[in-house]
Amino acid sequence: MRILLVYPRFPQSFWSFERALELVERKALLPPLGLVTVAAILPPTWEYKLVDKLPNNGAKKWP
C-alpha cells in the first residue's frame, strides 16, 4: 500500500500567528507532529511520503 501525507499551506490570517512569530524571532510555534505520528503507526510494509507545502526558507526537505 502507498500513502501520501500532505501538510497543507495555510493562508495568512489572524490565527496563523505569523506576525506574532516575527516578534519572538521564531519561524514556527510547534513542529507539525500530526503527520509524523500517523506515519509512525502505519504498518512497516506500507510505503509513505510526507510532503510539506509550507515555505521552508532553506530548511531540509522531508525524506
N, C-alpha and C. Protein backbone atom coordinates (compact mmCIF):
# COMPACT_ATOMS: atom_id res chain seq x y z
N MET A 1 0.85 -1.17 0.00
CA MET A 1 0.00 0.00 0.00
C MET A 1 0.90 1.23 0.00
N ARG A 2 0.51 2.26 -0.73
CA ARG A 2 1.24 3.52 -0.77
C ARG A 2 0.33 4.63 -0.26
N ILE A 3 0.93 5.54 0.50
CA ILE A 3 0.15 6.62 1.10
C ILE A 3 0.93 7.94 0.97
N LEU A 4 0.22 9.01 0.69
CA LEU A 4 0.81 10.34 0.59
C LEU A 4 0.25 11.19 1.72
N LEU A 5 1.12 11.69 2.57
CA LEU A 5 0.73 12.54 3.69
C LEU A 5 1.13 13.98 3.35
N VAL A 6 0.16 14.87 3.28
CA VAL A 6 0.41 16.25 2.86
C VAL A 6 0.09 17.21 4.01
N TYR A 7 1.10 18.00 4.38
CA TYR A 7 0.88 19.07 5.35
C TYR A 7 0.59 20.32 4.53
N PRO A 8 -0.65 20.82 4.54
CA PRO A 8 -1.04 21.89 3.62
C PRO A 8 -0.48 23.25 3.99
N ARG A 9 -0.46 24.11 3.00
CA ARG A 9 -0.09 25.50 3.23
C ARG A 9 -1.35 26.25 3.64
N PHE A 10 -1.27 27.00 4.71
CA PHE A 10 -2.42 27.73 5.22
C PHE A 10 -2.30 29.20 4.84
N PRO A 11 -3.40 29.84 4.50
CA PRO A 11 -3.33 31.27 4.16
C PRO A 11 -3.01 32.10 5.40
N GLN A 12 -2.43 33.28 5.16
CA GLN A 12 -2.17 34.17 6.28
C GLN A 12 -3.48 34.67 6.84
N SER A 13 -3.60 34.62 8.15
CA SER A 13 -4.78 35.12 8.83
C SER A 13 -4.39 35.50 10.25
N PHE A 14 -5.36 35.99 10.98
CA PHE A 14 -5.12 36.33 12.38
C PHE A 14 -4.69 35.09 13.17
N TRP A 15 -5.22 33.94 12.81
CA TRP A 15 -4.97 32.71 13.57
C TRP A 15 -3.68 32.01 13.18
N SER A 16 -3.01 32.45 12.14
CA SER A 16 -1.78 31.78 11.72
C SER A 16 -0.56 32.21 12.55
N PHE A 17 -0.68 33.27 13.31
CA PHE A 17 0.37 33.75 14.23
C PHE A 17 1.65 34.17 13.53
N GLU A 18 1.62 34.42 12.21
CA GLU A 18 2.84 34.77 11.51
C GLU A 18 3.46 36.06 12.04
N ARG A 19 2.66 37.06 12.32
CA ARG A 19 3.19 38.32 12.84
C ARG A 19 3.70 38.15 14.27
N ALA A 20 3.02 37.36 15.06
CA ALA A 20 3.46 37.14 16.44
C ALA A 20 4.79 36.37 16.47
N LEU A 21 4.97 35.43 15.54
CA LEU A 21 6.22 34.68 15.49
C LEU A 21 7.39 35.59 15.12
N GLU A 22 7.13 36.57 14.27
CA GLU A 22 8.19 37.53 13.93
C GLU A 22 8.63 38.31 15.17
N LEU A 23 7.71 38.63 16.06
CA LEU A 23 8.05 39.39 17.26
C LEU A 23 8.97 38.61 18.19
N VAL A 24 8.79 37.30 18.24
CA VAL A 24 9.63 36.47 19.12
C VAL A 24 10.76 35.80 18.35
N GLU A 25 10.97 36.23 17.09
CA GLU A 25 12.05 35.74 16.24
C GLU A 25 12.06 34.22 16.11
N ARG A 26 10.88 33.68 15.81
CA ARG A 26 10.76 32.23 15.58
C ARG A 26 10.07 32.02 14.25
N LYS A 27 10.31 30.86 13.64
CA LYS A 27 9.67 30.54 12.37
C LYS A 27 8.46 29.64 12.57
N ALA A 28 8.40 28.96 13.70
CA ALA A 28 7.26 28.08 13.98
C ALA A 28 7.04 28.03 15.47
N LEU A 29 5.79 27.87 15.85
CA LEU A 29 5.46 27.76 17.26
C LEU A 29 5.70 26.34 17.75
N LEU A 30 5.19 25.39 17.00
CA LEU A 30 5.36 23.97 17.31
C LEU A 30 5.61 23.21 16.01
N PRO A 31 6.36 22.12 16.06
CA PRO A 31 6.54 21.34 14.84
C PRO A 31 5.26 20.61 14.47
N PRO A 32 5.03 20.37 13.18
CA PRO A 32 3.81 19.66 12.76
C PRO A 32 3.94 18.16 13.01
N LEU A 33 3.60 17.73 14.21
CA LEU A 33 3.80 16.33 14.59
C LEU A 33 2.66 15.40 14.19
N GLY A 34 1.52 15.93 13.75
CA GLY A 34 0.38 15.08 13.43
C GLY A 34 0.67 14.05 12.36
N LEU A 35 1.23 14.48 11.23
CA LEU A 35 1.51 13.56 10.15
C LEU A 35 2.67 12.62 10.47
N VAL A 36 3.63 13.09 11.24
CA VAL A 36 4.73 12.23 11.66
C VAL A 36 4.20 11.10 12.55
N THR A 37 3.25 11.43 13.39
CA THR A 37 2.63 10.41 14.25
C THR A 37 1.86 9.39 13.42
N VAL A 38 1.10 9.86 12.44
CA VAL A 38 0.38 8.95 11.56
C VAL A 38 1.37 8.04 10.81
N ALA A 39 2.45 8.61 10.31
CA ALA A 39 3.45 7.82 9.60
C ALA A 39 4.06 6.75 10.51
N ALA A 40 4.24 7.08 11.78
CA ALA A 40 4.85 6.14 12.72
C ALA A 40 3.95 4.94 13.02
N ILE A 41 2.63 5.12 12.92
CA ILE A 41 1.75 3.99 13.24
C ILE A 41 1.31 3.20 12.02
N LEU A 42 1.78 3.59 10.83
CA LEU A 42 1.47 2.82 9.64
C LEU A 42 2.18 1.47 9.69
N PRO A 43 1.60 0.46 9.07
CA PRO A 43 2.30 -0.83 9.02
C PRO A 43 3.65 -0.68 8.32
N PRO A 44 4.67 -1.40 8.76
CA PRO A 44 6.02 -1.23 8.20
C PRO A 44 6.12 -1.60 6.71
N THR A 45 5.18 -2.36 6.20
CA THR A 45 5.22 -2.76 4.80
C THR A 45 4.68 -1.69 3.86
N TRP A 46 4.03 -0.67 4.40
CA TRP A 46 3.44 0.39 3.58
C TRP A 46 4.53 1.40 3.20
N GLU A 47 4.43 1.91 2.00
CA GLU A 47 5.31 3.00 1.56
C GLU A 47 4.59 4.31 1.83
N TYR A 48 5.31 5.30 2.31
CA TYR A 48 4.69 6.60 2.53
C TYR A 48 5.64 7.71 2.15
N LYS A 49 5.06 8.85 1.86
CA LYS A 49 5.83 10.05 1.54
C LYS A 49 5.16 11.22 2.23
N LEU A 50 5.96 12.03 2.90
CA LEU A 50 5.47 13.25 3.54
C LEU A 50 5.80 14.43 2.64
N VAL A 51 4.81 15.28 2.39
CA VAL A 51 5.00 16.48 1.58
C VAL A 51 4.60 17.67 2.43
N ASP A 52 5.53 18.59 2.59
CA ASP A 52 5.29 19.80 3.37
C ASP A 52 5.08 20.95 2.40
N LYS A 53 3.89 21.52 2.35
CA LYS A 53 3.57 22.61 1.44
C LYS A 53 3.88 23.98 2.03
N LEU A 54 4.37 24.04 3.24
CA LEU A 54 4.73 25.32 3.85
C LEU A 54 6.06 25.79 3.29
N PRO A 55 6.24 27.09 3.15
CA PRO A 55 7.55 27.58 2.71
C PRO A 55 8.58 27.27 3.79
N ASN A 56 9.69 26.69 3.40
CA ASN A 56 10.64 26.22 4.42
C ASN A 56 11.90 27.07 4.54
N ASN A 57 12.05 28.10 3.72
CA ASN A 57 13.17 29.03 3.84
C ASN A 57 14.53 28.33 3.93
N GLY A 58 14.73 27.32 3.08
CA GLY A 58 16.04 26.65 3.03
C GLY A 58 16.20 25.52 4.01
N ALA A 59 15.17 25.16 4.75
CA ALA A 59 15.29 24.05 5.69
C ALA A 59 15.36 22.73 4.91
N LYS A 60 15.80 21.69 5.58
CA LYS A 60 15.90 20.38 4.93
C LYS A 60 14.52 19.88 4.53
N LYS A 61 14.47 19.17 3.42
CA LYS A 61 13.20 18.61 2.96
C LYS A 61 12.93 17.29 3.67
N TRP A 62 11.66 16.94 3.74
CA TRP A 62 11.26 15.67 4.35
C TRP A 62 11.78 14.52 3.49
N PRO A 63 12.12 13.40 4.10
CA PRO A 63 12.58 12.24 3.30
C PRO A 63 11.46 11.63 2.49
